[in-house]
Protein backbone atom coordinates (compact mmCIF):
# COMPACT_ATOMS: atom_id res chain seq x y z
CA CYS A 1 0.00 0.00 0.00
CA PHE A 2 1.19 3.47 -0.83
CA ARG A 3 0.31 6.42 1.36
CA ASP A 4 -0.11 8.80 -1.56
CA ASN A 5 0.63 9.34 -5.25
CA ALA A 6 4.12 10.72 -4.54
CA GLU A 7 5.05 7.45 -2.85
CA LEU A 8 3.67 5.49 -5.79
CA VAL A 9 5.69 7.55 -8.28
CA ALA A 10 8.82 7.31 -6.09
CA ALA A 11 8.41 3.53 -5.92
CA SER A 12 8.18 3.44 -9.71
CA TYR A 13 11.48 5.35 -10.01
CA LEU A 14 13.10 3.03 -7.48
CA ASN A 15 11.91 -0.10 -9.30
CA LYS A 16 13.33 1.22 -12.56
CA ALA A 17 16.59 2.08 -10.79
CA LEU A 18 16.95 -1.44 -9.46
CA ASP A 19 16.12 -2.97 -12.84
CA THR A 20 18.77 -1.10 -14.80
CA LYS A 21 22.36 -2.28 -15.16
CA ASP A 22 23.60 1.28 -15.65
CA LYS A 23 24.73 2.62 -12.26
CA ASP A 24 24.61 6.28 -13.33
CA CYS A 25 21.08 5.85 -14.66
CA ALA A 26 20.05 4.08 -11.43
CA LEU A 27 21.47 6.90 -9.30
CA GLU A 28 19.61 9.48 -11.40
CA LEU A 29 16.31 7.62 -10.99
CA ILE A 30 16.86 7.38 -7.22
CA LYS A 31 17.58 11.11 -7.15
CA HIS A 32 14.14 11.72 -8.71
CA ALA A 33 12.54 9.56 -6.02
CA GLN A 34 14.43 11.49 -3.33
CA GLU A 35 13.16 14.78 -4.76
CA LEU A 36 9.59 13.53 -4.38
CA ILE A 37 9.99 12.08 -0.88
CA PRO A 38 13.33 13.02 0.72
CA GLN A 39 12.87 10.96 3.89
CA TYR A 40 11.53 7.77 2.32
CA TYR A 41 13.58 4.85 3.61
CA GLU A 42 13.14 2.92 0.36
CA ASN A 43 15.33 5.56 -1.37
CA ASN A 44 18.20 4.60 0.90
CA LEU A 45 17.61 0.89 0.43
CA ALA A 46 17.82 1.40 -3.33
CA LEU A 47 21.05 3.39 -2.92
CA ALA A 48 22.48 0.63 -0.74
CA LYS A 49 21.60 -1.96 -3.37
CA VAL A 50 23.10 0.09 -6.21
CA HIS A 51 26.36 0.78 -4.34
CA GLY A 52 26.57 -2.75 -2.90
CA ALA A 53 29.84 -4.42 -1.97
CA GLY A 54 31.76 -2.19 -4.41
CA SER A 55 31.32 0.75 -2.02
CA PRO A 56 30.86 -0.83 1.42
CA LEU A 57 31.18 2.39 3.43
CA ILE A 58 28.55 4.18 1.34
CA THR A 59 26.31 1.12 1.42
CA GLU A 60 26.57 0.83 5.19
CA GLN A 61 25.70 4.51 5.59
CA GLU A 62 22.66 4.11 3.34
CA TYR A 63 21.35 1.25 5.49
CA LYS A 64 21.80 3.44 8.58
CA ASN A 65 20.01 6.32 6.83
CA ALA A 66 17.17 3.98 5.88
CA LEU A 67 16.77 3.01 9.54
CA ARG A 68 16.44 6.69 10.50
CA TYR A 69 13.53 7.10 8.09
CA CYS A 70 11.60 3.95 9.02
CA THR A 71 8.13 4.68 10.35
CA SER A 72 7.33 1.26 11.79
CA ILE A 73 9.00 -1.61 13.60
CA GLN A 74 8.19 -3.83 10.61
CA ASP A 75 10.13 -1.46 8.35
CA GLN A 76 13.07 -1.49 10.79
CA ILE A 77 13.08 -5.27 10.82
CA ARG A 78 13.07 -5.38 7.01
CA VAL A 79 15.96 -2.90 6.77
CA ASN A 80 17.97 -4.76 9.40
CA MET A 81 17.48 -8.07 7.61
CA LEU A 82 18.69 -6.55 4.34
CA TYR A 83 21.57 -4.89 6.17
CA SER A 84 22.59 -8.19 7.75
CA ASP A 85 22.51 -9.81 4.26
CA PHE A 86 24.93 -7.15 3.05
CA LEU A 87 27.23 -7.64 6.05
CA ILE A 88 27.27 -11.39 5.39
CA ARG A 89 28.20 -10.77 1.73
CA ILE A 90 31.22 -8.71 2.80
CA ASN A 91 32.15 -11.33 5.45
CA ASP A 92 31.49 -9.00 8.41
CA TYR A 93 29.88 -11.75 10.44
CA HIS A 94 30.26 -10.16 13.87
CA SER A 95 28.48 -6.98 12.74
CA ALA A 96 25.77 -9.10 11.12
CA ILE A 97 25.20 -10.87 14.45
CA ASP A 98 25.02 -7.48 16.22
CA ILE A 99 22.39 -6.24 13.74
CA LEU A 100 20.42 -9.48 14.05
CA ASN A 101 20.48 -9.21 17.85
CA LEU A 102 19.05 -5.68 17.57
CA THR A 103 16.43 -7.00 15.17
CA GLU A 104 15.54 -9.79 17.54
CA ASP A 105 15.01 -7.17 20.26
CA LEU A 106 12.38 -5.56 18.01
CA ASN A 107 10.53 -8.87 17.61
CA GLY A 108 12.13 -12.12 18.72
CA ASN A 109 9.39 -14.31 17.25
CA ILE A 110 10.36 -13.95 13.60
CA ILE A 111 11.85 -17.20 12.43
CA GLU A 112 13.83 -15.59 9.59
CA ILE A 113 15.93 -13.75 12.17
CA LYS A 114 16.79 -17.02 13.88
CA PHE A 115 17.62 -18.70 10.57
CA GLN A 116 19.82 -15.77 9.57
CA LYS A 117 21.66 -15.84 12.92
CA SER A 118 22.13 -19.59 12.62
CA LYS A 119 23.49 -19.18 9.08
CA VAL A 120 26.02 -16.57 10.25
CA HIS A 121 27.21 -18.85 13.04
CA CYS A 122 27.71 -21.61 10.45
CA TYR A 123 29.79 -19.26 8.29
CA MET A 124 31.90 -18.55 11.37
CA GLY A 125 32.34 -22.29 12.00
CA GLN A 126 30.25 -22.12 15.19
CA TYR A 127 28.00 -25.06 14.40
CA ASP A 128 26.97 -25.74 18.00
CA SER A 129 25.78 -22.14 18.38
CA ALA A 130 23.88 -22.40 15.10
CA GLU A 131 22.15 -25.57 16.23
CA GLU A 132 21.35 -24.08 19.64
CA ILE A 133 19.68 -21.03 18.06
CA LEU A 134 17.41 -23.24 15.97
CA SER A 135 16.66 -25.73 18.72
CA LYS A 136 15.55 -22.94 21.09
CA HIS A 137 12.95 -21.49 18.78
CA ASN A 138 9.32 -22.41 19.25
CA ALA A 139 7.64 -22.67 15.84
CA GLU A 140 4.22 -21.91 17.30
CA ASN A 141 5.38 -18.43 18.35
CA CYS A 142 7.19 -17.53 15.13
CA TRP A 143 5.83 -15.64 12.17
CA ALA A 144 7.26 -14.68 8.81
CA VAL A 145 8.44 -11.22 7.82
């Protein structure tokens, strides 16, 4: 659901930006979305995606900016999960765990958070910790993002 027409148009720009292979074109489309809604967290998520692992400092800052503009806990959880994916891709496992712990504090009943934490522990060779995380969860109390 979009709150208004500006958000709908901004989302259209962002979709086009993420579909193009041309980074300069993508950045220009995101700029148009930012002009419509400067504090729309999706703008920053698109920037993070476009910059990716090639510019990790910029990407990290865009995820942090996106968190500042979130208007709901659900949005914060979504941004944190995407941020943790990025941290895993650049092999920053300890930071990914920190982000996932913060996310779990927002809502500890989301099974994807537990799976993501377990995956990171596996990447770090901490298989017992990974198994413990999954064995502790109660499927009846978990819900999907």
